[in-house]
C-alpha cells in the first residue's frame, strides 16, 4: 500500500500545485491583500480535496489487488492422479 499511497500523494500534489497557482495568479491582478490570501487558501483546499480523492483511489486499487491475491492464494488445489 505504501507504493500506491506515495504515487497517489504525488499525483495529488501535482494537481494541488497548479490549482493553487491559478487561484493565486487570478488574485494577484487585484493586488497583494486579503483576496490573495483567500484565493491561496481556497486553492489549497480545492487541490488537497482533489489530491485526497486521487490518493484514496490509489489506496482502494491497492486493497483490491490484495483481495485478489488472497482469493487466488486460497483457491483449492485439485490433486491430479
C-alpha atoms as a PDB file:
ATOM      1  CA  UNK A   1       0.000   0.000   0.000  1.00  0.00           C
ATOM      2  CA  UNK A   2       2.920   2.330   0.552  1.00  0.00           C
ATOM      3  CA  UNK A   3       3.757   2.396  -3.162  1.00  0.00           C
ATOM      4  CA  UNK A   4       0.198   3.202  -4.235  1.00  0.00           C
ATOM      5  CA  UNK A   5      -0.214   5.738  -1.437  1.00  0.00           C
ATOM      6  CA  UNK A   6       3.007   7.542  -2.328  1.00  0.00           C
ATOM      7  CA  UNK A   7       2.026   7.620  -6.007  1.00  0.00           C
ATOM      8  CA  UNK A   8      -1.429   8.902  -5.056  1.00  0.00           C
ATOM      9  CA  UNK A   9       0.004  11.645  -2.887  1.00  0.00           C
ATOM     10  CA  UNK A  10       2.459  12.635  -5.617  1.00  0.00           C
ATOM     11  CA  UNK A  11      -0.268  12.834  -8.252  1.00  0.00           C
ATOM     12  CA  UNK A  12      -2.484  14.704  -5.794  1.00  0.00           C
ATOM     13  CA  UNK A  13       0.272  17.236  -5.151  1.00  0.00           C
ATOM     14  CA  UNK A  14       0.702  17.649  -8.887  1.00  0.00           C
ATOM     15  CA  UNK A  15      -2.981  18.632  -9.048  1.00  0.00           C
ATOM     16  CA  UNK A  16      -2.886  20.820  -5.926  1.00  0.00           C
ATOM     17  CA  UNK A  17       0.048  22.975  -7.081  1.00  0.00           C
ATOM     18  CA  UNK A  18      -1.477  24.248 -10.350  1.00  0.00           C
ATOM     19  CA  UNK A  19      -4.898  24.766  -8.771  1.00  0.00           C
ATOM     20  CA  UNK A  20      -3.317  26.891  -6.037  1.00  0.00           C
ATOM     21  CA  UNK A  21      -1.170  28.773  -8.554  1.00  0.00           C
ATOM     22  CA  UNK A  22      -4.148  29.553 -10.800  1.00  0.00           C
ATOM     23  CA  UNK A  23      -6.207  30.784  -7.844  1.00  0.00           C
ATOM     24  CA  UNK A  24      -3.305  32.933  -6.615  1.00  0.00           C
ATOM     25  CA  UNK A  25      -2.478  34.357 -10.040  1.00  0.00           C
ATOM     26  CA  UNK A  26      -6.091  35.447 -10.530  1.00  0.00           C
ATOM     27  CA  UNK A  27      -5.964  37.289  -7.213  1.00  0.00           C
ATOM     28  CA  UNK A  28      -2.579  38.905  -7.931  1.00  0.00           C
ATOM     29  CA  UNK A  29      -4.266  41.113 -10.511  1.00  0.00           C
ATOM     30  CA  UNK A  30      -6.302  42.620  -7.667  1.00  0.00           C
ATOM     31  CA  UNK A  31      -3.246  43.262  -5.518  1.00  0.00           C
ATOM     32  CA  UNK A  32      -1.474  41.676  -2.594  1.00  0.00           C
ATOM     33  CA  UNK A  33      -4.000  41.588   0.199  1.00  0.00           C
ATOM     34  CA  UNK A  34      -6.716  39.521   1.719  1.00  0.00           C
ATOM     35  CA  UNK A  35      -8.019  38.474  -1.699  1.00  0.00           C
ATOM     36  CA  UNK A  36      -4.678  36.824  -2.459  1.00  0.00           C
ATOM     37  CA  UNK A  37      -4.575  35.037   0.890  1.00  0.00           C
ATOM     38  CA  UNK A  38      -8.160  33.860   0.497  1.00  0.00           C
ATOM     39  CA  UNK A  39      -7.504  32.628  -3.032  1.00  0.00           C
ATOM     40  CA  UNK A  40      -4.421  30.716  -1.919  1.00  0.00           C
ATOM     41  CA  UNK A  41      -6.318  29.112   0.961  1.00  0.00           C
ATOM     42  CA  UNK A  42      -9.269  28.169  -1.238  1.00  0.00           C
ATOM     43  CA  UNK A  43      -6.927  26.922  -3.971  1.00  0.00           C
ATOM     44  CA  UNK A  44      -5.045  24.759  -1.473  1.00  0.00           C
ATOM     45  CA  UNK A  45      -8.307  23.422  -0.068  1.00  0.00           C
ATOM     46  CA  UNK A  46      -9.586  22.506  -3.527  1.00  0.00           C
ATOM     47  CA  UNK A  47      -6.244  20.999  -4.523  1.00  0.00           C
ATOM     48  CA  UNK A  48      -5.990  18.957  -1.335  1.00  0.00           C
ATOM     49  CA  UNK A  49      -9.531  17.660  -1.789  1.00  0.00           C
ATOM     50  CA  UNK A  50      -8.768  16.530  -5.326  1.00  0.00           C
ATOM     51  CA  UNK A  51      -5.402  15.143  -4.209  1.00  0.00           C
ATOM     52  CA  UNK A  52      -7.056  13.265  -1.357  1.00  0.00           C
ATOM     53  CA  UNK A  53      -9.554  11.703  -3.727  1.00  0.00           C
ATOM     54  CA  UNK A  54      -6.751  10.623  -6.046  1.00  0.00           C
ATOM     55  CA  UNK A  55      -4.750   9.174  -3.136  1.00  0.00           C
ATOM     56  CA  UNK A  56      -7.856   7.338  -1.893  1.00  0.00           C
ATOM     57  CA  UNK A  57      -8.376   5.925  -5.376  1.00  0.00           C
ATOM     58  CA  UNK A  58      -4.832   4.544  -5.422  1.00  0.00           C
ATOM     59  CA  UNK A  59      -5.302   3.109  -1.905  1.00  0.00           C
ATOM     60  CA  UNK A  60      -8.528   1.394  -2.984  1.00  0.00           C
ATOM     61  CA  UNK A  61      -6.691  -0.015  -6.013  1.00  0.00           C
ATOM     62  CA  UNK A  62      -4.086  -1.494  -3.670  1.00  0.00           C
ATOM     63  CA  UNK A  63      -6.775  -3.060  -1.467  1.00  0.00           C
ATOM     64  CA  UNK A  64      -8.478  -4.608  -4.488  1.00  0.00           C
ATOM     65  CA  UNK A  65      -5.164  -6.056  -5.657  1.00  0.00           C
ATOM     66  CA  UNK A  66      -4.516  -7.556  -2.208  1.00  0.00           C
ATOM     67  CA  UNK A  67      -8.024  -9.061  -2.065  1.00  0.00           C
ATOM     68  CA  UNK A  68      -7.500 -10.609  -5.485  1.00  0.00           C
ATOM     69  CA  UNK A  69      -4.125 -12.041  -4.415  1.00  0.00           C
ATOM     70  CA  UNK A  70      -5.712 -13.531  -1.275  1.00  0.00           C
ATOM     71  CA  UNK A  71      -8.543 -15.041  -3.301  1.00  0.00           C
ATOM     72  CA  UNK A  72      -6.056 -16.690  -5.638  1.00  0.00           C
ATOM     73  CA  UNK A  73      -3.948 -17.901  -2.694  1.00  0.00           C
ATOM     74  CA  UNK A  74      -6.982 -19.531  -1.024  1.00  0.00           C
ATOM     75  CA  UNK A  75      -8.158 -21.283  -4.184  1.00  0.00           C
ATOM     76  CA  UNK A  76      -8.289 -25.030  -3.508  1.00  0.00           C
ATOM     77  CA  UNK A  77      -5.867 -27.179  -5.436  1.00  0.00           C
ATOM     78  CA  UNK A  78      -7.147 -30.373  -7.039  1.00  0.00           C
ATOM     79  CA  UNK A  79      -4.922 -33.414  -6.843  1.00  0.00           C
ATOM     80  CA  UNK A  80      -4.160 -34.981 -10.195  1.00  0.00           C
ATOM     81  CA  UNK A  81      -3.807 -38.763 -10.288  1.00  0.00           C
END
